């Protein structure tokens, strides 16, 4: 592997936090407002959630580079074609960012939540960090914004917190849910019915909350048992711990 060269521009993975611009870090705000190149992920034909968070904060001279996913839910996760399409996509995005860096340009890549927490930026980082200067600006995670929206602490004392992806098989979800004190379930979307069944099997459905669009316009906090239908992708299920207290 080749070490980054001194003349290369830095590629910044910019954590934006859970969605409310006021919850961005001072460093993220400063880098964004001074950026000459701004990259962000989005679905084809959509403005992109990360881009919407920073409306009005990008300089008029900045060059934007939207990175449009080739697939989202059109291909099943277990289909080899899904991984092949995404691998090629991330390689192309990384090549474009590398070209900018090699010209001495700095680039900020907008990342919802924290860049190193289930974010797409990680796939660019692993392709670029050995050959180009890459820096990560951490941020408040979406799950932190979600449990704060419920108005209750997520953990007490020695509670064990488990974070699960709703894309897991139902049996795995139910087993892990039953074996924890506090719980966060992410990537809900079309998996809501499976999550509800798994929580019921684990004996936790009555304690579960769902937070939609945490800290963003349209935020809604509800008991999961009282919500019907499909929920947005930007939803998080929360089960609070009830551990040791003084």
Protein backbone atom coordinates (compact mmCIF):
# COMPACT_ATOMS: atom_id res chain seq x y z
CA UNK A 1 0.00 0.00 0.00
CA UNK A 2 1.15 3.54 -0.72
CA UNK A 3 1.18 6.13 2.06
CA UNK A 4 -0.71 9.39 1.51
CA UNK A 5 1.39 12.15 -0.11
CA UNK A 6 1.85 15.58 1.42
CA UNK A 7 0.34 17.51 -1.52
CA UNK A 8 -2.92 15.56 -1.55
CA UNK A 9 -6.09 17.22 -0.31
CA UNK A 10 -7.90 15.81 2.71
CA UNK A 11 -11.13 13.87 2.29
CA UNK A 12 -13.37 14.55 5.29
CA UNK A 13 -16.09 12.18 6.45
CA UNK A 14 -18.37 14.79 7.97
CA UNK A 15 -20.77 13.52 10.62
CA UNK A 16 -23.96 15.60 10.54
CA UNK A 17 -25.66 14.10 13.58
CA UNK A 18 -29.26 12.84 13.78
CA UNK A 19 -30.85 15.46 11.54
CA UNK A 20 -31.23 18.80 13.31
CA UNK A 21 -28.49 21.14 11.99
CA UNK A 22 -28.03 22.70 15.45
CA UNK A 23 -26.79 19.30 16.67
CA UNK A 24 -23.80 19.32 14.30
CA UNK A 25 -20.38 19.84 15.88
CA UNK A 26 -18.58 23.18 15.58
CA UNK A 27 -15.86 21.46 13.51
CA UNK A 28 -18.38 19.96 11.09
CA UNK A 29 -20.09 23.33 10.64
CA UNK A 30 -16.78 25.09 9.98
CA UNK A 31 -15.55 22.54 7.45
CA UNK A 32 -18.87 22.45 5.62
CA UNK A 33 -19.20 26.22 5.25
CA UNK A 34 -15.66 26.49 3.91
CA UNK A 35 -15.82 23.49 1.58
CA UNK A 36 -15.04 23.77 -2.13
CA UNK A 37 -16.22 20.23 -2.88
CA UNK A 38 -19.19 18.56 -1.18
CA UNK A 39 -20.12 14.92 -1.81
CA UNK A 40 -23.14 13.05 -0.46
CA UNK A 41 -25.07 9.83 -0.95
CA UNK A 42 -28.64 9.74 -2.17
CA UNK A 43 -31.19 7.55 -3.89
CA UNK A 44 -31.63 8.21 -7.59
CA UNK A 45 -34.07 11.04 -8.18
CA UNK A 46 -34.07 12.11 -4.55
CA UNK A 47 -32.36 15.15 -2.98
CA UNK A 48 -30.74 12.99 -0.31
CA UNK A 49 -31.33 13.21 3.43
CA UNK A 50 -27.78 14.35 4.23
CA UNK A 51 -28.01 17.12 1.63
CA UNK A 52 -31.35 18.29 3.00
CA UNK A 53 -29.93 18.58 6.51
CA UNK A 54 -27.39 21.19 5.36
CA UNK A 55 -29.66 23.33 3.16
CA UNK A 56 -28.40 26.90 3.27
CA UNK A 57 -25.04 25.96 4.76
CA UNK A 58 -23.06 25.16 1.61
CA UNK A 59 -21.15 28.03 -0.01
CA UNK A 60 -22.37 29.29 -3.42
CA UNK A 61 -19.06 28.42 -5.09
CA UNK A 62 -18.95 24.84 -3.81
CA UNK A 63 -19.08 22.01 -6.35
CA UNK A 64 -21.51 19.27 -5.34
CA UNK A 65 -21.03 15.59 -6.13
CA UNK A 66 -24.17 13.49 -5.50
CA UNK A 67 -23.38 9.78 -5.25
CA UNK A 68 -26.51 7.88 -6.31
CA UNK A 69 -26.94 4.32 -5.10
CA UNK A 70 -27.37 1.87 -8.01
CA UNK A 71 -29.75 -0.26 -5.90
CA UNK A 72 -31.65 0.10 -2.64
CA UNK A 73 -34.44 -2.44 -2.22
CA UNK A 74 -34.75 -3.63 -5.83
CA UNK A 75 -32.41 -6.59 -5.19
CA UNK A 76 -32.50 -8.79 -2.10
CA UNK A 77 -29.58 -8.34 0.31
CA UNK A 78 -28.62 -12.00 0.01
CA UNK A 79 -28.45 -11.85 -3.81
CA UNK A 80 -24.77 -11.72 -4.94
CA UNK A 81 -25.78 -9.11 -7.52
CA UNK A 82 -26.55 -6.67 -4.70
CA UNK A 83 -23.04 -6.77 -3.30
CA UNK A 84 -21.51 -6.66 -6.78
CA UNK A 85 -23.46 -3.53 -7.73
CA UNK A 86 -22.62 -1.72 -4.51
CA UNK A 87 -18.94 -2.70 -4.63
CA UNK A 88 -18.58 -1.22 -8.10
CA UNK A 89 -20.48 1.88 -7.03
CA UNK A 90 -18.26 2.54 -4.02
CA UNK A 91 -15.14 1.95 -6.11
CA UNK A 92 -16.29 4.56 -8.66
CA UNK A 93 -17.11 7.08 -5.92
CA UNK A 94 -13.76 6.52 -4.24
CA UNK A 95 -11.96 7.00 -7.56
CA UNK A 96 -13.63 10.38 -8.06
CA UNK A 97 -12.73 11.55 -4.55
CA UNK A 98 -9.17 10.28 -5.01
CA UNK A 99 -8.85 12.31 -8.20
CA UNK A 100 -9.91 15.47 -6.39
CA UNK A 101 -7.50 14.75 -3.55
CA UNK A 102 -4.64 14.14 -5.99
CA UNK A 103 -5.26 17.62 -7.41
CA UNK A 104 -4.79 19.03 -3.92
CA UNK A 105 -8.49 19.65 -3.37
CA UNK A 106 -10.19 19.09 -0.03
CA UNK A 107 -13.56 17.32 -0.10
CA UNK A 108 -16.22 16.92 2.56
CA UNK A 109 -18.46 13.87 2.39
CA UNK A 110 -21.77 14.42 4.18
CA UNK A 111 -22.69 11.57 6.52
CA UNK A 112 -25.96 11.20 8.41
CA UNK A 113 -25.34 10.39 12.06
CA UNK A 114 -21.77 9.31 12.77
CA UNK A 115 -19.59 8.26 9.79
CA UNK A 116 -18.28 5.15 11.56
CA UNK A 117 -21.67 3.90 12.75
CA UNK A 118 -23.37 1.84 10.01
CA UNK A 119 -22.67 4.60 7.50
CA UNK A 120 -21.92 4.34 3.78
CA UNK A 121 -18.80 6.46 4.24
CA UNK A 122 -17.02 3.48 5.81
CA UNK A 123 -16.93 1.83 2.38
CA UNK A 124 -15.10 4.85 0.97
CA UNK A 125 -12.78 5.04 3.96
CA UNK A 126 -11.56 1.48 3.51
CA UNK A 127 -10.82 2.16 -0.16
CA UNK A 128 -9.05 5.49 0.35
CA UNK A 129 -7.38 5.69 3.77
CA UNK A 130 -4.22 3.79 2.80
CA UNK A 131 -3.40 6.04 -0.15
CA UNK A 132 -5.05 9.39 0.62
CA UNK A 133 -5.45 11.60 3.70
CA UNK A 134 -8.87 10.83 5.14
CA UNK A 135 -10.19 12.37 8.35
CA UNK A 136 -13.44 11.58 10.17
CA UNK A 137 -15.47 14.12 12.13
CA UNK A 138 -17.59 12.16 14.64
CA UNK A 139 -21.15 13.12 15.46
CA UNK A 140 -24.20 12.39 17.58
CA UNK A 141 -25.77 9.17 16.35
CA UNK A 142 -29.33 8.88 15.13
CA UNK A 143 -30.14 6.44 17.92
CA UNK A 144 -29.04 8.99 20.52
CA UNK A 145 -31.43 11.52 19.01
CA UNK A 146 -34.17 8.88 19.06
CA UNK A 147 -33.90 7.83 22.69
CA UNK A 148 -33.60 11.45 23.76
CA UNK A 149 -36.86 12.15 21.92
CA UNK A 150 -38.62 9.60 24.14
CA UNK A 151 -37.75 11.65 27.22
CA UNK A 152 -36.35 8.63 29.06
CA UNK A 153 -32.80 7.39 29.68
CA UNK A 154 -31.91 4.40 27.52
CA UNK A 155 -29.71 2.68 30.13
CA UNK A 156 -29.34 2.62 33.91
CA UNK A 157 -26.55 1.25 36.07
CA UNK A 158 -25.19 -1.93 34.49
CA UNK A 159 -27.86 -2.36 31.80
CA UNK A 160 -26.63 -4.02 28.62
CA UNK A 161 -27.55 -2.14 25.43
CA UNK A 162 -27.92 -4.06 22.15
CA UNK A 163 -28.14 -2.44 18.71
CA UNK A 164 -29.79 -4.57 16.03
CA UNK A 165 -30.49 -4.20 12.31
CA UNK A 166 -34.10 -4.98 11.39
CA UNK A 167 -32.78 -6.73 8.29
CA UNK A 168 -31.69 -9.72 10.42
CA UNK A 169 -33.78 -12.93 10.33
CA UNK A 170 -36.70 -12.94 12.75
CA UNK A 171 -35.30 -15.77 14.87
CA UNK A 172 -32.01 -13.89 15.35
CA UNK A 173 -33.85 -10.72 16.26
CA UNK A 174 -36.06 -12.45 18.83
CA UNK A 175 -33.12 -14.27 20.44
CA UNK A 176 -30.98 -11.15 20.78
CA UNK A 177 -33.91 -9.02 21.94
CA UNK A 178 -34.67 -11.49 24.73
CA UNK A 179 -31.03 -11.48 25.84
CA UNK A 180 -30.61 -7.75 26.50
CA UNK A 181 -31.78 -5.05 28.91
CA UNK A 182 -32.02 -2.05 26.60
CA UNK A 183 -32.52 -2.20 22.87
CA UNK A 184 -32.16 -0.15 19.69
CA UNK A 185 -33.41 -1.50 16.35
CA UNK A 186 -32.41 0.37 13.20
CA UNK A 187 -33.21 0.15 9.47
CA UNK A 188 -36.88 -0.51 10.13
CA UNK A 189 -38.63 0.37 6.86
CA UNK A 190 -40.36 -2.66 5.36
CA UNK A 191 -39.22 -4.85 8.25
CA UNK A 192 -41.64 -3.35 10.77
CA UNK A 193 -43.95 -6.39 10.98
CA UNK A 194 -41.01 -8.74 11.49
CA UNK A 195 -39.63 -6.47 14.23
CA UNK A 196 -43.00 -6.38 15.95
CA UNK A 197 -43.29 -10.18 15.91
CA UNK A 198 -39.76 -10.60 17.23
CA UNK A 199 -40.40 -8.15 20.07
CA UNK A 200 -43.57 -9.99 21.01
CA UNK A 201 -41.70 -13.30 21.08
CA UNK A 202 -39.05 -11.69 23.29
CA UNK A 203 -41.69 -10.29 25.67
CA UNK A 204 -40.72 -6.69 24.92
CA UNK A 205 -43.40 -5.40 22.55
CA UNK A 206 -45.30 -3.61 25.31
CA UNK A 207 -42.15 -1.65 26.28
CA UNK A 208 -41.13 -0.71 22.74
CA UNK A 209 -41.26 2.80 21.28
CA UNK A 210 -40.81 3.86 17.68
CA UNK A 211 -39.28 7.23 16.82
CA UNK A 212 -39.74 8.46 13.26
CA UNK A 213 -37.43 11.17 11.88
CA UNK A 214 -35.73 11.80 15.23
CA UNK A 215 -34.80 15.50 15.72
CA UNK A 216 -36.03 16.30 12.19
CA UNK A 217 -39.20 18.01 10.98
CA UNK A 218 -42.00 15.49 11.24
CA UNK A 219 -40.57 13.76 14.30
CA UNK A 220 -43.09 11.40 15.86
CA UNK A 221 -42.70 9.31 19.02
CA UNK A 222 -45.19 6.48 19.54
CA UNK A 223 -45.71 3.23 21.36
CA UNK A 224 -44.90 0.60 18.77
CA UNK A 225 -47.97 -1.42 19.78
CA UNK A 226 -50.12 1.56 18.76
CA UNK A 227 -48.62 2.08 15.28
CA UNK A 228 -49.93 0.30 12.18
CA UNK A 229 -48.62 0.12 8.64
CA UNK A 230 -45.19 0.64 7.12
CA UNK A 231 -42.93 3.16 8.82
CA UNK A 232 -40.28 5.28 7.10
CA UNK A 233 -36.71 4.09 6.70
CA UNK A 234 -35.70 6.85 9.13
CA UNK A 235 -37.30 5.13 12.10
CA UNK A 236 -35.71 3.61 15.18
CA UNK A 237 -37.27 1.27 17.73
CA UNK A 238 -36.29 1.85 21.36
CA UNK A 239 -36.71 -0.33 24.45
CA UNK A 240 -35.44 1.34 27.61
CA UNK A 241 -33.42 -0.43 30.26
CA UNK A 242 -34.55 -0.50 33.88
CA UNK A 243 -31.31 -1.35 35.64
CA UNK A 244 -29.67 -0.52 38.95
CA UNK A 245 -30.34 2.93 40.40
CA UNK A 246 -29.28 4.63 43.65
